Amino acid sequence: MAEYSLDITGLVCPMTFVKAKLKLEQMAVGDLLVIRLRGAEPAENVPRSLRDHGQSVLAMRPAADGTIELVVRKER
């Protein structure tokens, strides 16, 4: 189970990634973050940008409400 969660369903790129990055900066290495997002552009850009910044994207799954849940482990 994730230690942290972040709802960015009301944001658009690039703020989706900015908010996710800021949240990860508050976390310890190894902590898990569940990010809830909405839309095709954030679903493509946020996981890619997090990987590009050295984080591990462990899962990406649709939620019952039509959003997407992204599970990320902080690596550094």
N, C-alpha and C. Protein backbone atom coordinates (compact mmCIF):
# COMPACT_ATOMS: atom_id res chain seq x y z
N MET A 1 0.84 -1.19 0.00
CA MET A 1 0.00 0.00 0.00
C MET A 1 0.88 1.25 0.00
N ALA A 2 0.46 2.26 -0.75
CA ALA A 2 1.25 3.47 -0.90
C ALA A 2 1.18 4.35 0.35
N GLU A 3 2.29 4.98 0.64
CA GLU A 3 2.38 5.88 1.79
C GLU A 3 1.76 7.24 1.47
N TYR A 4 1.74 7.62 0.20
CA TYR A 4 1.29 8.95 -0.20
C TYR A 4 0.32 8.85 -1.38
N SER A 5 -0.52 9.87 -1.52
CA SER A 5 -1.40 9.94 -2.68
C SER A 5 -1.47 11.39 -3.15
N LEU A 6 -1.78 11.56 -4.43
CA LEU A 6 -1.85 12.88 -5.04
C LEU A 6 -2.92 12.84 -6.11
N ASP A 7 -3.87 13.77 -6.03
CA ASP A 7 -4.94 13.88 -7.02
C ASP A 7 -4.64 15.08 -7.92
N ILE A 8 -4.31 14.81 -9.18
CA ILE A 8 -4.03 15.89 -10.13
C ILE A 8 -5.04 15.85 -11.29
N THR A 9 -6.22 15.33 -11.01
CA THR A 9 -7.23 15.18 -12.07
C THR A 9 -7.72 16.53 -12.59
N GLY A 10 -7.61 17.58 -11.81
CA GLY A 10 -8.08 18.89 -12.24
C GLY A 10 -7.03 19.74 -12.91
N LEU A 11 -5.84 19.19 -13.11
CA LEU A 11 -4.73 19.96 -13.69
C LEU A 11 -4.44 19.51 -15.11
N VAL A 12 -3.75 20.38 -15.85
CA VAL A 12 -3.31 20.06 -17.21
C VAL A 12 -1.79 20.13 -17.26
N CYS A 13 -1.22 19.51 -18.26
CA CYS A 13 0.23 19.54 -18.45
C CYS A 13 0.67 20.97 -18.74
N PRO A 14 1.77 21.42 -18.23
CA PRO A 14 2.81 20.70 -17.51
C PRO A 14 2.62 20.67 -15.99
N MET A 15 1.54 21.28 -15.49
CA MET A 15 1.35 21.33 -14.03
C MET A 15 1.16 19.95 -13.43
N THR A 16 0.67 18.99 -14.19
CA THR A 16 0.50 17.63 -13.67
C THR A 16 1.85 17.08 -13.22
N PHE A 17 2.86 17.22 -14.06
CA PHE A 17 4.19 16.72 -13.72
C PHE A 17 4.81 17.55 -12.60
N VAL A 18 4.64 18.86 -12.65
CA VAL A 18 5.22 19.74 -11.62
C VAL A 18 4.70 19.35 -10.24
N LYS A 19 3.40 19.15 -10.11
CA LYS A 19 2.82 18.76 -8.81
C LYS A 19 3.34 17.39 -8.36
N ALA A 20 3.44 16.45 -9.29
CA ALA A 20 3.96 15.12 -8.95
C ALA A 20 5.41 15.21 -8.48
N LYS A 21 6.21 15.98 -9.17
CA LYS A 21 7.62 16.14 -8.82
C LYS A 21 7.77 16.80 -7.44
N LEU A 22 6.97 17.83 -7.17
CA LEU A 22 7.02 18.49 -5.86
C LEU A 22 6.64 17.53 -4.73
N LYS A 23 5.64 16.69 -4.98
CA LYS A 23 5.23 15.72 -3.96
C LYS A 23 6.34 14.72 -3.70
N LEU A 24 6.97 14.23 -4.75
CA LEU A 24 8.06 13.26 -4.61
C LEU A 24 9.24 13.86 -3.84
N GLU A 25 9.48 15.15 -3.99
CA GLU A 25 10.57 15.80 -3.28
C GLU A 25 10.36 15.78 -1.77
N GLN A 26 9.12 15.66 -1.32
CA GLN A 26 8.78 15.63 0.10
C GLN A 26 8.90 14.22 0.69
N MET A 27 9.11 13.23 -0.14
CA MET A 27 9.09 11.84 0.27
C MET A 27 10.50 11.28 0.45
N ALA A 28 10.58 10.16 1.17
CA ALA A 28 11.86 9.46 1.35
C ALA A 28 12.05 8.45 0.21
N VAL A 29 13.30 8.16 -0.08
CA VAL A 29 13.61 7.14 -1.09
C VAL A 29 12.95 5.83 -0.69
N GLY A 30 12.30 5.18 -1.64
CA GLY A 30 11.61 3.91 -1.40
C GLY A 30 10.13 4.06 -1.11
N ASP A 31 9.68 5.28 -0.78
CA ASP A 31 8.25 5.51 -0.52
C ASP A 31 7.45 5.37 -1.81
N LEU A 32 6.19 4.97 -1.66
CA LEU A 32 5.30 4.82 -2.79
C LEU A 32 4.29 5.96 -2.84
N LEU A 33 3.97 6.40 -4.05
CA LEU A 33 3.02 7.46 -4.30
C LEU A 33 2.00 6.98 -5.32
N VAL A 34 0.71 7.13 -4.99
CA VAL A 34 -0.35 6.86 -5.96
C VAL A 34 -0.83 8.21 -6.48
N ILE A 35 -0.71 8.38 -7.79
CA ILE A 35 -1.13 9.62 -8.44
C ILE A 35 -2.40 9.32 -9.23
N ARG A 36 -3.43 10.11 -8.98
CA ARG A 36 -4.68 9.98 -9.74
C ARG A 36 -4.69 11.10 -10.77
N LEU A 37 -4.82 10.72 -12.05
CA LEU A 37 -4.83 11.71 -13.13
C LEU A 37 -5.94 11.41 -14.12
N ARG A 38 -6.20 12.38 -14.99
CA ARG A 38 -7.28 12.24 -15.95
C ARG A 38 -6.81 12.77 -17.32
N GLY A 39 -7.14 12.03 -18.36
CA GLY A 39 -6.86 12.49 -19.72
C GLY A 39 -5.68 11.80 -20.36
N ALA A 40 -5.69 11.81 -21.68
CA ALA A 40 -4.66 11.11 -22.45
C ALA A 40 -3.30 11.78 -22.33
N GLU A 41 -3.26 13.10 -22.35
CA GLU A 41 -1.98 13.80 -22.31
C GLU A 41 -1.25 13.56 -20.97
N PRO A 42 -1.90 13.77 -19.82
CA PRO A 42 -1.22 13.45 -18.55
C PRO A 42 -0.87 11.97 -18.44
N ALA A 43 -1.71 11.09 -18.95
CA ALA A 43 -1.44 9.65 -18.86
C ALA A 43 -0.19 9.27 -19.65
N GLU A 44 0.12 10.02 -20.67
CA GLU A 44 1.33 9.76 -21.45
C GLU A 44 2.54 10.50 -20.87
N ASN A 45 2.35 11.78 -20.54
CA ASN A 45 3.47 12.63 -20.15
C ASN A 45 3.98 12.42 -18.73
N VAL A 46 3.08 12.24 -17.77
CA VAL A 46 3.52 12.13 -16.37
C VAL A 46 4.39 10.89 -16.16
N PRO A 47 3.96 9.70 -16.55
CA PRO A 47 4.83 8.53 -16.35
C PRO A 47 6.18 8.65 -17.07
N ARG A 48 6.15 9.16 -18.29
CA ARG A 48 7.39 9.32 -19.06
C ARG A 48 8.34 10.31 -18.36
N SER A 49 7.80 11.43 -17.93
CA SER A 49 8.63 12.44 -17.26
C SER A 49 9.19 11.93 -15.94
N LEU A 50 8.38 11.18 -15.19
CA LEU A 50 8.87 10.62 -13.93
C LEU A 50 10.00 9.63 -14.18
N ARG A 51 9.85 8.78 -15.19
CA ARG A 51 10.93 7.84 -15.54
C ARG A 51 12.19 8.61 -15.96
N ASP A 52 11.99 9.66 -16.75
CA ASP A 52 13.13 10.47 -17.21
C ASP A 52 13.88 11.10 -16.04
N HIS A 53 13.18 11.32 -14.92
CA HIS A 53 13.79 11.90 -13.73
C HIS A 53 14.22 10.83 -12.72
N GLY A 54 14.28 9.57 -13.17
CA GLY A 54 14.85 8.50 -12.36
C GLY A 54 13.92 7.80 -11.40
N GLN A 55 12.61 8.04 -11.51
CA GLN A 55 11.65 7.38 -10.62
C GLN A 55 11.14 6.09 -11.27
N SER A 56 10.64 5.18 -10.46
CA SER A 56 10.10 3.92 -10.97
C SER A 56 8.58 3.98 -11.03
N VAL A 57 8.04 3.77 -12.22
CA VAL A 57 6.59 3.66 -12.38
C VAL A 57 6.26 2.18 -12.27
N LEU A 58 5.58 1.81 -11.19
CA LEU A 58 5.31 0.40 -10.91
C LEU A 58 4.02 -0.10 -11.54
N ALA A 59 3.03 0.78 -11.67
CA ALA A 59 1.75 0.36 -12.23
C ALA A 59 1.00 1.57 -12.77
N MET A 60 0.16 1.30 -13.75
CA MET A 60 -0.73 2.31 -14.30
C MET A 60 -2.02 1.59 -14.59
N ARG A 61 -3.09 1.97 -13.89
CA ARG A 61 -4.34 1.22 -14.02
C ARG A 61 -5.54 2.16 -14.02
N PRO A 62 -6.59 1.77 -14.75
CA PRO A 62 -7.80 2.58 -14.75
C PRO A 62 -8.54 2.43 -13.42
N ALA A 63 -9.09 3.52 -12.94
CA ALA A 63 -9.90 3.51 -11.71
C ALA A 63 -11.38 3.46 -12.10
N ALA A 64 -12.22 3.11 -11.15
CA ALA A 64 -13.65 2.94 -11.40
C ALA A 64 -14.31 4.24 -11.86
N ASP A 65 -13.77 5.39 -11.46
CA ASP A 65 -14.40 6.67 -11.80
C ASP A 65 -13.91 7.24 -13.14
N GLY A 66 -13.16 6.47 -13.90
CA GLY A 66 -12.69 6.91 -15.21
C GLY A 66 -11.34 7.61 -15.17
N THR A 67 -10.77 7.77 -13.99
CA THR A 67 -9.43 8.35 -13.89
C THR A 67 -8.40 7.23 -14.02
N ILE A 68 -7.15 7.60 -13.93
CA ILE A 68 -6.05 6.65 -14.01
C ILE A 68 -5.23 6.75 -12.73
N GLU A 69 -4.86 5.60 -12.17
CA GLU A 69 -4.00 5.56 -11.00
C GLU A 69 -2.61 5.14 -11.44
N LEU A 70 -1.65 5.93 -11.06
CA LEU A 70 -0.25 5.70 -11.37
C LEU A 70 0.47 5.44 -10.06
N VAL A 71 1.16 4.32 -9.94
CA VAL A 71 1.89 3.98 -8.72
C VAL A 71 3.37 4.18 -9.00
N VAL A 72 4.00 5.03 -8.18
CA VAL A 72 5.39 5.42 -8.39
C VAL A 72 6.19 5.16 -7.12
N ARG A 73 7.41 4.63 -7.29
CA ARG A 73 8.33 4.49 -6.15
C ARG A 73 9.44 5.53 -6.33
N LYS A 74 9.67 6.30 -5.24
CA LYS A 74 10.74 7.29 -5.29
C LYS A 74 12.08 6.58 -5.24
N GLU A 75 12.92 6.87 -6.20
CA GLU A 75 14.23 6.21 -6.30
C GLU A 75 15.38 7.10 -5.86
N ARG A 76 15.20 8.40 -5.93
CA ARG A 76 16.26 9.32 -5.50
C ARG A 76 15.69 10.66 -5.15
